[in-house]
């Protein structure tokens, strides 16, 4: 009998590695490499962007919490309020900036009523309108008084100063007027200018003088340009008071005397007198023309003894 063969122990020692492998390795082409590179680049870009955003948010949170004053919107480079200034006269934005400096307040904290009242306390300002235009504009519109006369004020401890008088009697120190425009205004005499607070007391009856000057500018511009002084020594503001007269001193007539009402006919007679004297070779100036008589003008040339007929005496015009 043949002896049995011993079973081989190699079968028990086999593993998965001994199994034949039939898989096929994928080909690595240039196109596939580019796709993988592009995907990797995009992924890296997204990661970097998210990281930068997170870092930025952390930095902003740090500034807001620990150092708010360093933020740009907490320290603007331009003024908090932009002023828009408009006037119907000679004043400019520079005048407003000089008298009403930027309070440094936000627009919502500015007291518009107090600002309006402060502007109107200046004699040159007849009225003011103050409004806001969001987000940051302050709108100031003013109407100015128009001067009709000048007044020379002589302080006891200073040089004389010229004040201006408006048609409503307001007395004020003017700003920004051209020197030539002021030089054409006559002076007023025979009045008392008194201080009142930071300004001056208003004068009564100036509407009457304003009417005389307005008519003269329109109806007798040549005569008006020669007027130097309007005297109110016999005028207290009531145009119909007994013995009330206005005296005008000028280049053509040294003194023209007016009743303080009904100026049209009086100006017409004055024009006729001056024109007649020019034709006769008398003057200028004439010494005195009294226009207070009804429909007549009493004319006196420079020499008192020369009063006679025609221009040198009484004559109806």
C-alpha atoms as a PDB file:
ATOM      1  CA  UNK A   1       0.000   0.000   0.000  1.00  0.00           C
ATOM      2  CA  UNK A   2       1.282   3.335  -0.981  1.00  0.00           C
ATOM      3  CA  UNK A   3       1.604   5.887   1.823  1.00  0.00           C
ATOM      4  CA  UNK A   4      -0.782   8.943   1.698  1.00  0.00           C
ATOM      5  CA  UNK A   5       0.675  12.236   0.601  1.00  0.00           C
ATOM      6  CA  UNK A   6       0.672  15.001   3.193  1.00  0.00           C
ATOM      7  CA  UNK A   7      -1.653  17.889   2.448  1.00  0.00           C
ATOM      8  CA  UNK A   8       0.163  20.992   1.306  1.00  0.00           C
ATOM      9  CA  UNK A   9       0.103  23.868   3.806  1.00  0.00           C
ATOM     10  CA  UNK A  10       0.525  26.529   1.031  1.00  0.00           C
ATOM     11  CA  UNK A  11      -3.237  26.693   0.487  1.00  0.00           C
ATOM     12  CA  UNK A  12      -3.791  28.013   3.982  1.00  0.00           C
ATOM     13  CA  UNK A  13      -1.174  30.730   3.443  1.00  0.00           C
ATOM     14  CA  UNK A  14      -2.783  32.337   0.374  1.00  0.00           C
ATOM     15  CA  UNK A  15      -4.206  35.984   0.591  1.00  0.00           C
ATOM     16  CA  UNK A  16      -6.086  38.491  -1.622  1.00  0.00           C
ATOM     17  CA  UNK A  17      -2.813  39.461  -3.110  1.00  0.00           C
ATOM     18  CA  UNK A  18      -2.656  36.048  -4.840  1.00  0.00           C
ATOM     19  CA  UNK A  19      -5.918  36.789  -6.673  1.00  0.00           C
ATOM     20  CA  UNK A  20      -5.265  37.833 -10.258  1.00  0.00           C
ATOM     21  CA  UNK A  21      -6.016  41.524 -10.839  1.00  0.00           C
ATOM     22  CA  UNK A  22      -7.770  42.393 -14.084  1.00  0.00           C
ATOM     23  CA  UNK A  23      -8.411  46.206 -13.518  1.00  0.00           C
ATOM     24  CA  UNK A  24      -7.168  48.726 -16.054  1.00  0.00           C
ATOM     25  CA  UNK A  25      -5.299  51.940 -14.894  1.00  0.00           C
ATOM     26  CA  UNK A  26      -7.017  55.127 -16.142  1.00  0.00           C
ATOM     27  CA  UNK A  27      -5.029  57.083 -18.612  1.00  0.00           C
ATOM     28  CA  UNK A  28      -3.608  60.421 -17.343  1.00  0.00           C
ATOM     29  CA  UNK A  29      -3.974  62.928 -20.175  1.00  0.00           C
ATOM     30  CA  UNK A  30      -3.016  66.622 -20.409  1.00  0.00           C
ATOM     31  CA  UNK A  31      -6.673  67.701 -20.459  1.00  0.00           C
ATOM     32  CA  UNK A  32      -7.488  65.814 -17.261  1.00  0.00           C
ATOM     33  CA  UNK A  33      -4.493  67.341 -15.520  1.00  0.00           C
ATOM     34  CA  UNK A  34      -5.691  70.841 -16.483  1.00  0.00           C
ATOM     35  CA  UNK A  35      -9.176  70.146 -15.151  1.00  0.00           C
ATOM     36  CA  UNK A  36      -7.792  68.891 -11.845  1.00  0.00           C
ATOM     37  CA  UNK A  37      -5.520  71.954 -11.609  1.00  0.00           C
ATOM     38  CA  UNK A  38      -8.417  74.335 -12.326  1.00  0.00           C
ATOM     39  CA  UNK A  39     -10.574  72.705  -9.665  1.00  0.00           C
ATOM     40  CA  UNK A  40      -7.771  72.909  -7.150  1.00  0.00           C
ATOM     41  CA  UNK A  41      -7.197  76.606  -7.991  1.00  0.00           C
ATOM     42  CA  UNK A  42     -10.876  77.471  -7.567  1.00  0.00           C
ATOM     43  CA  UNK A  43     -11.059  75.651  -4.288  1.00  0.00           C
ATOM     44  CA  UNK A  44      -7.984  77.461  -3.028  1.00  0.00           C
ATOM     45  CA  UNK A  45      -9.437  80.850  -4.176  1.00  0.00           C
ATOM     46  CA  UNK A  46     -12.707  80.261  -2.341  1.00  0.00           C
ATOM     47  CA  UNK A  47     -10.860  79.280   0.808  1.00  0.00           C
ATOM     48  CA  UNK A  48      -8.658  82.402   0.612  1.00  0.00           C
ATOM     49  CA  UNK A  49     -11.689  84.692   0.002  1.00  0.00           C
ATOM     50  CA  UNK A  50     -13.571  83.250   2.949  1.00  0.00           C
ATOM     51  CA  UNK A  51     -10.507  83.670   5.075  1.00  0.00           C
ATOM     52  CA  UNK A  52     -10.038  87.297   4.008  1.00  0.00           C
ATOM     53  CA  UNK A  53     -13.723  88.075   4.636  1.00  0.00           C
ATOM     54  CA  UNK A  54     -13.557  86.572   8.090  1.00  0.00           C
ATOM     55  CA  UNK A  55     -10.403  88.509   8.874  1.00  0.00           C
ATOM     56  CA  UNK A  56     -12.011  91.764   7.607  1.00  0.00           C
ATOM     57  CA  UNK A  57     -15.133  91.282   9.711  1.00  0.00           C
ATOM     58  CA  UNK A  58     -13.007  90.604  12.773  1.00  0.00           C
ATOM     59  CA  UNK A  59     -10.971  93.766  12.093  1.00  0.00           C
ATOM     60  CA  UNK A  60     -14.067  95.962  11.653  1.00  0.00           C
ATOM     61  CA  UNK A  61     -15.579  94.541  14.830  1.00  0.00           C
ATOM     62  CA  UNK A  62     -12.371  95.381  16.660  1.00  0.00           C
ATOM     63  CA  UNK A  63     -12.389  98.983  15.384  1.00  0.00           C
ATOM     64  CA  UNK A  64     -16.053  99.523  16.240  1.00  0.00           C
ATOM     65  CA  UNK A  65     -15.574  98.148  19.734  1.00  0.00           C
ATOM     66  CA  UNK A  66     -12.241  99.637  20.732  1.00  0.00           C
ATOM     67  CA  UNK A  67     -11.506 102.615  18.485  1.00  0.00           C
ATOM     68  CA  UNK A  68     -14.677 104.121  16.982  1.00  0.00           C
ATOM     69  CA  UNK A  69     -13.239 107.625  16.598  1.00  0.00           C
ATOM     70  CA  UNK A  70     -10.780 106.380  14.008  1.00  0.00           C
ATOM     71  CA  UNK A  71     -13.511 105.382  11.600  1.00  0.00           C
ATOM     72  CA  UNK A  72     -13.795 107.663   8.586  1.00  0.00           C
ATOM     73  CA  UNK A  73     -17.490 108.367   9.064  1.00  0.00           C
ATOM     74  CA  UNK A  74     -16.873 109.570  12.629  1.00  0.00           C
ATOM     75  CA  UNK A  75     -14.458 112.275  11.529  1.00  0.00           C
ATOM     76  CA  UNK A  76     -15.736 113.796   8.254  1.00  0.00           C
ATOM     77  CA  UNK A  77     -13.400 116.024   6.318  1.00  0.00           C
ATOM     78  CA  UNK A  78     -16.128 118.467   5.264  1.00  0.00           C
ATOM     79  CA  UNK A  79     -18.310 120.648   7.575  1.00  0.00           C
ATOM     80  CA  UNK A  80     -21.273 118.944   9.173  1.00  0.00           C
ATOM     81  CA  UNK A  81     -23.585 121.639   7.708  1.00  0.00           C
ATOM     82  CA  UNK A  82     -23.354 123.242   4.274  1.00  0.00           C
ATOM     83  CA  UNK A  83     -24.764 126.799   4.242  1.00  0.00           C
ATOM     84  CA  UNK A  84     -26.599 128.071   1.152  1.00  0.00           C
ATOM     85  CA  UNK A  85     -27.002 131.876   1.438  1.00  0.00           C
ATOM     86  CA  UNK A  86     -29.164 133.964  -0.917  1.00  0.00           C
ATOM     87  CA  UNK A  87     -29.931 137.696  -0.819  1.00  0.00           C
ATOM     88  CA  UNK A  88     -31.809 140.190  -2.984  1.00  0.00           C
ATOM     89  CA  UNK A  89     -29.250 142.875  -2.121  1.00  0.00           C
ATOM     90  CA  UNK A  90     -25.504 143.246  -1.710  1.00  0.00           C
ATOM     91  CA  UNK A  91     -24.786 140.809   1.129  1.00  0.00           C
ATOM     92  CA  UNK A  92     -22.874 137.626   0.384  1.00  0.00           C
ATOM     93  CA  UNK A  93     -22.220 134.307   2.083  1.00  0.00           C
ATOM     94  CA  UNK A  94     -19.057 135.847   3.523  1.00  0.00           C
ATOM     95  CA  UNK A  95     -21.182 138.265   5.563  1.00  0.00           C
ATOM     96  CA  UNK A  96     -23.192 135.378   6.979  1.00  0.00           C
ATOM     97  CA  UNK A  97     -20.064 133.384   7.777  1.00  0.00           C
ATOM     98  CA  UNK A  98     -18.559 136.390   9.584  1.00  0.00           C
ATOM     99  CA  UNK A  99     -21.581 137.059  11.793  1.00  0.00           C
ATOM    100  CA  UNK A 100     -22.881 133.505  12.227  1.00  0.00           C
ATOM    101  CA  UNK A 101     -20.042 131.068  12.548  1.00  0.00           C
ATOM    102  CA  UNK A 102     -20.568 127.323  12.157  1.00  0.00           C
ATOM    103  CA  UNK A 103     -21.900 126.149  15.537  1.00  0.00           C
ATOM    104  CA  UNK A 104     -20.406 122.712  14.976  1.00  0.00           C
ATOM    105  CA  UNK A 105     -23.758 121.064  15.584  1.00  0.00           C
ATOM    106  CA  UNK A 106     -25.591 118.517  13.468  1.00  0.00           C
ATOM    107  CA  UNK A 107     -28.298 120.012  11.309  1.00  0.00           C
ATOM    108  CA  UNK A 108     -31.093 118.602  13.444  1.00  0.00           C
ATOM    109  CA  UNK A 109     -29.780 120.408  16.536  1.00  0.00           C
ATOM    110  CA  UNK A 110     -29.743 123.948  15.044  1.00  0.00           C
ATOM    111  CA  UNK A 111     -32.515 126.211  16.379  1.00  0.00           C
ATOM    112  CA  UNK A 112     -33.897 127.673  13.156  1.00  0.00           C
ATOM    113  CA  UNK A 113     -36.158 130.207  14.906  1.00  0.00           C
ATOM    114  CA  UNK A 114     -33.311 131.632  16.987  1.00  0.00           C
ATOM    115  CA  UNK A 115     -31.104 131.827  13.905  1.00  0.00           C
ATOM    116  CA  UNK A 116     -33.821 133.697  11.972  1.00  0.00           C
ATOM    117  CA  UNK A 117     -34.317 136.168  14.831  1.00  0.00           C
ATOM    118  CA  UNK A 118     -30.567 136.717  15.092  1.00  0.00           C
ATOM    119  CA  UNK A 119     -30.294 137.495  11.393  1.00  0.00           C
ATOM    120  CA  UNK A 120     -33.216 139.931  11.501  1.00  0.00           C
ATOM    121  CA  UNK A 121     -31.642 141.854  14.390  1.00  0.00           C
ATOM    122  CA  UNK A 122     -29.197 143.266  11.855  1.00  0.00           C
ATOM    123  CA  UNK A 123     -30.671 146.519  10.583  1.00  0.00           C
ATOM    124  CA  UNK A 124     -29.743 145.819   6.979  1.00  0.00           C
ATOM    125  CA  UNK A 125     -31.982 142.734   6.978  1.00  0.00           C
ATOM    126  CA  UNK A 126     -35.677 143.390   6.377  1.00  0.00           C
ATOM    127  CA  UNK A 127     -36.709 139.738   6.641  1.00  0.00           C
ATOM    128  CA  UNK A 128     -35.099 136.288   6.684  1.00  0.00           C
ATOM    129  CA  UNK A 129     -36.214 132.766   5.897  1.00  0.00           C
ATOM    130  CA  UNK A 130     -34.293 129.799   7.298  1.00  0.00           C
ATOM    131  CA  UNK A 131     -34.926 126.205   6.280  1.00  0.00           C
ATOM    132  CA  UNK A 132     -33.106 122.896   5.889  1.00  0.00           C
ATOM    133  CA  UNK A 133     -32.564 120.608   2.941  1.00  0.00           C
ATOM    134  CA  UNK A 134     -31.642 117.103   4.005  1.00  0.00           C
ATOM    135  CA  UNK A 135     -29.234 115.633   4.552  1.00  0.00           C
ATOM    136  CA  UNK A 136     -26.853 118.494   5.370  1.00  0.00           C
ATOM    137  CA  UNK A 137     -27.863 121.872   3.841  1.00  0.00           C
ATOM    138  CA  UNK A 138     -28.939 124.986   5.765  1.00  0.00           C
ATOM    139  CA  UNK A 139     -30.818 127.391   3.458  1.00  0.00           C
ATOM    140  CA  UNK A 140     -30.799 131.104   4.388  1.00  0.00           C
ATOM    141  CA  UNK A 141     -32.670 133.635   2.237  1.00  0.00           C
ATOM    142  CA  UNK A 142     -32.767 137.329   3.182  1.00  0.00           C
ATOM    143  CA  UNK A 143     -34.427 140.494   1.914  1.00  0.00           C
ATOM    144  CA  UNK A 144     -32.416 143.648   2.519  1.00  0.00           C
ATOM    145  CA  UNK A 145     -33.453 147.178   3.283  1.00  0.00           C
ATOM    146  CA  UNK A 146     -32.496 149.825   0.754  1.00  0.00           C
ATOM    147  CA  UNK A 147     -30.789 152.940   2.146  1.00  0.00           C
ATOM    148  CA  UNK A 148     -32.156 156.328   1.129  1.00  0.00           C
ATOM    149  CA  UNK A 149     -30.036 158.660   3.298  1.00  0.00           C
ATOM    150  CA  UNK A 150     -26.808 158.816   5.249  1.00  0.00           C
ATOM    151  CA  UNK A 151     -26.389 160.105   8.801  1.00  0.00           C
ATOM    152  CA  UNK A 152     -23.071 161.304  10.202  1.00  0.00           C
ATOM    153  CA  UNK A 153     -22.618 160.195  13.822  1.00  0.00           C
ATOM    154  CA  UNK A 154     -19.925 161.811  15.952  1.00  0.00           C
ATOM    155  CA  UNK A 155     -19.108 159.664  19.018  1.00  0.00           C
ATOM    156  CA  UNK A 156     -17.526 161.517  21.929  1.00  0.00           C
ATOM    157  CA  UNK A 157     -14.491 159.230  21.997  1.00  0.00           C
ATOM    158  CA  UNK A 158     -14.036 158.187  18.365  1.00  0.00           C
ATOM    159  CA  UNK A 159     -13.937 159.369  14.775  1.00  0.00           C
ATOM    160  CA  UNK A 160     -17.212 160.153  13.000  1.00  0.00           C
ATOM    161  CA  UNK A 161     -19.005 157.247  11.379  1.00  0.00           C
ATOM    162  CA  UNK A 162     -21.630 157.139   8.639  1.00  0.00           C
ATOM    163  CA  UNK A 163     -24.869 155.306   9.274  1.00  0.00           C
ATOM    164  CA  UNK A 164     -27.564 154.469   6.764  1.00  0.00           C
ATOM    165  CA  UNK A 165     -31.291 155.174   6.969  1.00  0.00           C
ATOM    166  CA  UNK A 166     -33.934 153.052   5.232  1.00  0.00           C
ATOM    167  CA  UNK A 167     -37.364 154.208   4.108  1.00  0.00           C
ATOM    168  CA  UNK A 168     -38.999 152.665   7.198  1.00  0.00           C
ATOM    169  CA  UNK A 169     -36.726 154.711   9.489  1.00  0.00           C
ATOM    170  CA  UNK A 170     -34.318 151.899  10.394  1.00  0.00           C
ATOM    171  CA  UNK A 171     -30.840 153.226  11.200  1.00  0.00           C
ATOM    172  CA  UNK A 172     -27.979 150.796  10.645  1.00  0.00           C
ATOM    173  CA  UNK A 173     -24.329 150.416   9.777  1.00  0.00           C
ATOM    174  CA  UNK A 174     -24.310 149.015   6.254  1.00  0.00           C
ATOM    175  CA  UNK A 175     -22.147 146.198   4.918  1.00  0.00           C
ATOM    176  CA  UNK A 176     -20.843 145.390   1.428  1.00  0.00           C
ATOM    177  CA  UNK A 177     -22.314 148.468  -0.302  1.00  0.00           C
ATOM    178  CA  UNK A 178     -20.204 149.863  -3.156  1.00  0.00           C
ATOM    179  CA  UNK A 179     -18.597 153.142  -2.116  1.00  0.00           C
ATOM    180  CA  UNK A 180     -19.893 154.924  -5.227  1.00  0.00           C
ATOM    181  CA  UNK A 181     -23.484 153.942  -4.439  1.00  0.00           C
ATOM    182  CA  UNK A 182     -23.231 155.368  -0.925  1.00  0.00           C
ATOM    183  CA  UNK A 183     -21.586 158.559  -2.173  1.00  0.00           C
ATOM    184  CA  UNK A 184     -24.736 159.357  -4.172  1.00  0.00           C
ATOM    185  CA  UNK A 185     -26.958 159.320  -1.081  1.00  0.00           C
ATOM    186  CA  UNK A 186     -27.751 162.701   0.546  1.00  0.00           C
ATOM    187  CA  UNK A 187     -27.049 163.237   4.240  1.00  0.00           C
ATOM    188  CA  UNK A 188     -29.817 163.906   6.711  1.00  0.00           C
ATOM    189  CA  UNK A 189     -29.642 166.762   9.227  1.00  0.00           C
ATOM    190  CA  UNK A 190     -31.745 167.973  12.128  1.00  0.00           C
ATOM    191  CA  UNK A 191     -32.309 164.564  13.733  1.00  0.00           C
ATOM    192  CA  UNK A 192     -31.062 162.805  16.847  1.00  0.00           C
ATOM    193  CA  UNK A 193     -29.673 159.304  16.520  1.00  0.00           C
ATOM    194  CA  UNK A 194     -29.938 157.324  19.772  1.00  0.00           C
ATOM    195  CA  UNK A 195     -28.569 153.898  20.558  1.00  0.00           C
ATOM    196  CA  UNK A 196     -30.932 151.065  21.408  1.00  0.00           C
ATOM    197  CA  UNK A 197     -29.372 147.783  22.483  1.00  0.00           C
ATOM    198  CA  UNK A 198     -26.830 146.736  19.895  1.00  0.00           C
ATOM    199  CA  UNK A 199     -28.333 149.077  17.291  1.00  0.00           C
ATOM    200  CA  UNK A 200     -30.122 152.409  17.004  1.00  0.00           C
ATOM    201  CA  UNK A 201     -33.628 153.715  17.515  1.00  0.00           C
ATOM    202  CA  UNK A 202     -35.744 154.006  14.386  1.00  0.00           C
ATOM    203  CA  UNK A 203     -36.677 157.447  13.067  1.00  0.00           C
ATOM    204  CA  UNK A 204     -40.290 158.457  12.611  1.00  0.00           C
ATOM    205  CA  UNK A 205     -41.705 159.838   9.372  1.00  0.00           C
ATOM    206  CA  UNK A 206     -38.979 158.635   7.024  1.00  0.00           C
ATOM    207  CA  UNK A 207     -41.605 157.328   4.595  1.00  0.00           C
ATOM    208  CA  UNK A 208     -42.280 160.956   3.657  1.00  0.00           C
ATOM    209  CA  UNK A 209     -38.629 161.621   2.869  1.00  0.00           C
ATOM    210  CA  UNK A 210     -38.443 158.376   0.919  1.00  0.00           C
ATOM    211  CA  UNK A 211     -41.317 159.542  -1.280  1.00  0.00           C
ATOM    212  CA  UNK A 212     -39.641 162.899  -1.961  1.00  0.00           C
ATOM    213  CA  UNK A 213     -36.359 161.232  -2.891  1.00  0.00           C
ATOM    214  CA  UNK A 214     -38.051 158.600  -5.046  1.00  0.00           C
ATOM    215  CA  UNK A 215     -39.955 161.220  -7.041  1.00  0.00           C
ATOM    216  CA  UNK A 216     -36.855 163.356  -7.426  1.00  0.00           C
ATOM    217  CA  UNK A 217     -34.839 160.422  -8.808  1.00  0.00           C
ATOM    218  CA  UNK A 218     -37.562 159.733 -11.375  1.00  0.00           C
ATOM    219  CA  UNK A 219     -38.929 163.188 -12.224  1.00  0.00           C
ATOM    220  CA  UNK A 220     -35.878 165.397 -11.694  1.00  0.00           C
ATOM    221  CA  UNK A 221     -32.765 163.184 -11.811  1.00  0.00           C
ATOM    222  CA  UNK A 222     -30.399 166.083 -12.548  1.00  0.00           C
ATOM    223  CA  UNK A 223     -31.583 167.983  -9.495  1.00  0.00           C
ATOM    224  CA  UNK A 224     -31.490 164.843  -7.340  1.00  0.00           C
ATOM    225  CA  UNK A 225     -27.874 164.123  -8.247  1.00  0.00           C
ATOM    226  CA  UNK A 226     -26.994 167.560  -6.880  1.00  0.00           C
ATOM    227  CA  UNK A 227     -28.770 167.144  -3.534  1.00  0.00           C
ATOM    228  CA  UNK A 228     -26.365 167.026  -0.602  1.00  0.00           C
ATOM    229  CA  UNK A 229     -28.419 167.366   2.609  1.00  0.00           C
ATOM    230  CA  UNK A 230     -32.066 166.921   3.602  1.00  0.00           C
ATOM    231  CA  UNK A 231     -32.798 168.842   6.811  1.00  0.00           C
ATOM    232  CA  UNK A 232     -35.568 167.802   9.206  1.00  0.00           C
ATOM    233  CA  UNK A 233     -35.115 170.684  11.647  1.00  0.00           C
ATOM    234  CA  UNK A 234     -38.761 171.701  11.102  1.00  0.00           C
ATOM    235  CA  UNK A 235     -40.151 168.218  10.584  1.00  0.00           C
ATOM    236  CA  UNK A 236     -41.011 165.896  13.460  1.00  0.00           C
ATOM    237  CA  UNK A 237     -42.499 163.047  11.457  1.00  0.00           C
ATOM    238  CA  UNK A 238     -45.992 164.509  10.986  1.00  0.00           C
ATOM    239  CA  UNK A 239     -46.283 165.778   7.386  1.00  0.00           C
ATOM    240  CA  UNK A 240     -49.345 167.915   8.194  1.00  0.00           C
ATOM    241  CA  UNK A 241     -48.086 169.523  11.387  1.00  0.00           C
ATOM    242  CA  UNK A 242     -48.199 173.305  11.588  1.00  0.00           C
ATOM    243  CA  UNK A 243     -45.110 174.941  10.036  1.00  0.00           C
ATOM    244  CA  UNK A 244     -43.674 171.553   9.035  1.00  0.00           C
ATOM    245  CA  UNK A 245     -41.215 171.859   6.128  1.00  0.00           C
ATOM    246  CA  UNK A 246     -38.290 169.963   4.616  1.00  0.00           C
ATOM    247  CA  UNK A 247     -35.192 171.826   3.480  1.00  0.00           C
ATOM    248  CA  UNK A 248     -32.969 170.378   0.768  1.00  0.00           C
ATOM    249  CA  UNK A 249     -29.486 171.767   0.153  1.00  0.00           C
ATOM    250  CA  UNK A 250     -27.881 171.056  -3.180  1.00  0.00           C
ATOM    251  CA  UNK A 251     -25.705 172.134  -6.058  1.00  0.00           C
ATOM    252  CA  UNK A 252     -28.362 173.920  -8.140  1.00  0.00           C
ATOM    253  CA  UNK A 253     -30.233 175.482  -5.228  1.00  0.00           C
ATOM    254  CA  UNK A 254     -28.545 176.104  -1.937  1.00  0.00           C
ATOM    255  CA  UNK A 255     -31.845 175.645  -0.120  1.00  0.00           C
ATOM    256  CA  UNK A 256     -35.143 174.371  -1.541  1.00  0.00           C
ATOM    257  CA  UNK A 257     -38.029 174.421   0.939  1.00  0.00           C
ATOM    258  CA  UNK A 258     -40.771 171.795   0.535  1.00  0.00           C
ATOM    259  CA  UNK A 259     -44.023 171.095   2.281  1.00  0.00           C
ATOM    260  CA  UNK A 260     -43.748 167.481   3.493  1.00  0.00           C
ATOM    261  CA  UNK A 261     -46.584 166.277   1.260  1.00  0.00           C
ATOM    262  CA  UNK A 262     -47.794 166.591  -2.350  1.00  0.00           C
ATOM    263  CA  UNK A 263     -44.272 166.597  -3.741  1.00  0.00           C
ATOM    264  CA  UNK A 264     -45.143 166.208  -7.420  1.00  0.00           C
ATOM    265  CA  UNK A 265     -46.288 169.813  -8.121  1.00  0.00           C
ATOM    266  CA  UNK A 266     -43.508 171.251  -5.943  1.00  0.00           C
ATOM    267  CA  UNK A 267     -40.828 169.357  -7.862  1.00  0.00           C
ATOM    268  CA  UNK A 268     -42.299 170.505 -11.142  1.00  0.00           C
ATOM    269  CA  UNK A 269     -42.129 174.163 -10.030  1.00  0.00           C
ATOM    270  CA  UNK A 270     -38.543 173.687  -8.847  1.00  0.00           C
ATOM    271  CA  UNK A 271     -37.544 172.279 -12.236  1.00  0.00           C
ATOM    272  CA  UNK A 272     -39.140 175.264 -13.988  1.00  0.00           C
ATOM    273  CA  UNK A 273     -37.349 177.732 -11.706  1.00  0.00           C
ATOM    274  CA  UNK A 274     -33.931 176.143 -12.274  1.00  0.00           C
ATOM    275  CA  UNK A 275     -34.481 175.944 -16.031  1.00  0.00           C
ATOM    276  CA  UNK A 276     -35.653 179.592 -16.206  1.00  0.00           C
ATOM    277  CA  UNK A 277     -32.637 180.730 -14.189  1.00  0.00           C
ATOM    278  CA  UNK A 278     -30.340 178.846 -16.547  1.00  0.00           C
ATOM    279  CA  UNK A 279     -31.868 180.575 -19.581  1.00  0.00           C
ATOM    280  CA  UNK A 280     -31.538 183.964 -17.863  1.00  0.00           C
ATOM    281  CA  UNK A 281     -27.931 183.279 -16.931  1.00  0.00           C
ATOM    282  CA  UNK A 282     -28.650 183.408 -13.209  1.00  0.00           C
ATOM    283  CA  UNK A 283     -26.773 180.956 -11.018  1.00  0.00           C
ATOM    284  CA  UNK A 284     -26.281 178.232 -10.330  1.00  0.00           C
ATOM    285  CA  UNK A 285     -26.609 178.080  -7.506  1.00  0.00           C
ATOM    286  CA  UNK A 286     -29.747 179.930  -6.609  1.00  0.00           C
ATOM    287  CA  UNK A 287     -29.733 181.018  -3.002  1.00  0.00           C
ATOM    288  CA  UNK A 288     -33.211 179.864  -1.972  1.00  0.00           C
ATOM    289  CA  UNK A 289     -36.430 178.571  -3.527  1.00  0.00           C
ATOM    290  CA  UNK A 290     -39.518 178.416  -1.312  1.00  0.00           C
ATOM    291  CA  UNK A 291     -42.062 175.952  -2.701  1.00  0.00           C
ATOM    292  CA  UNK A 292     -44.458 175.999   0.252  1.00  0.00           C
ATOM    293  CA  UNK A 293     -46.808 178.599  -1.228  1.00  0.00           C
ATOM    294  CA  UNK A 294     -49.748 177.230  -3.159  1.00  0.00           C
ATOM    295  CA  UNK A 295     -48.919 177.241  -6.894  1.00  0.00           C
ATOM    296  CA  UNK A 296     -46.061 179.692  -6.425  1.00  0.00           C
ATOM    297  CA  UNK A 297     -42.321 179.649  -5.896  1.00  0.00           C
ATOM    298  CA  UNK A 298     -40.476 182.400  -4.074  1.00  0.00           C
ATOM    299  CA  UNK A 299     -36.970 182.591  -5.507  1.00  0.00           C
ATOM    300  CA  UNK A 300     -33.979 184.385  -4.032  1.00  0.00           C
ATOM    301  CA  UNK A 301     -30.637 184.544  -5.820  1.00  0.00           C
ATOM    302  CA  UNK A 302     -27.374 184.614  -3.934  1.00  0.00           C
ATOM    303  CA  UNK A 303     -27.368 188.384  -3.301  1.00  0.00           C
ATOM    304  CA  UNK A 304     -30.314 189.343  -1.017  1.00  0.00           C
ATOM    305  CA  UNK A 305     -30.637 192.759  -2.582  1.00  0.00           C
ATOM    306  CA  UNK A 306     -31.289 191.238  -5.994  1.00  0.00           C
ATOM    307  CA  UNK A 307     -34.760 189.954  -5.116  1.00  0.00           C
ATOM    308  CA  UNK A 308     -37.152 191.378  -7.718  1.00  0.00           C
ATOM    309  CA  UNK A 309     -39.469 190.083 -10.398  1.00  0.00           C
ATOM    310  CA  UNK A 310     -39.230 186.949 -12.505  1.00  0.00           C
ATOM    311  CA  UNK A 311     -36.575 184.610 -11.114  1.00  0.00           C
ATOM    312  CA  UNK A 312     -35.394 187.235  -8.612  1.00  0.00           C
ATOM    313  CA  UNK A 313     -38.821 187.616  -7.023  1.00  0.00           C
ATOM    314  CA  UNK A 314     -42.191 185.964  -6.622  1.00  0.00           C
ATOM    315  CA  UNK A 315     -43.596 184.132  -9.589  1.00  0.00           C
ATOM    316  CA  UNK A 316     -46.326 181.558 -10.191  1.00  0.00           C
ATOM    317  CA  UNK A 317     -45.300 178.348 -11.932  1.00  0.00           C
END
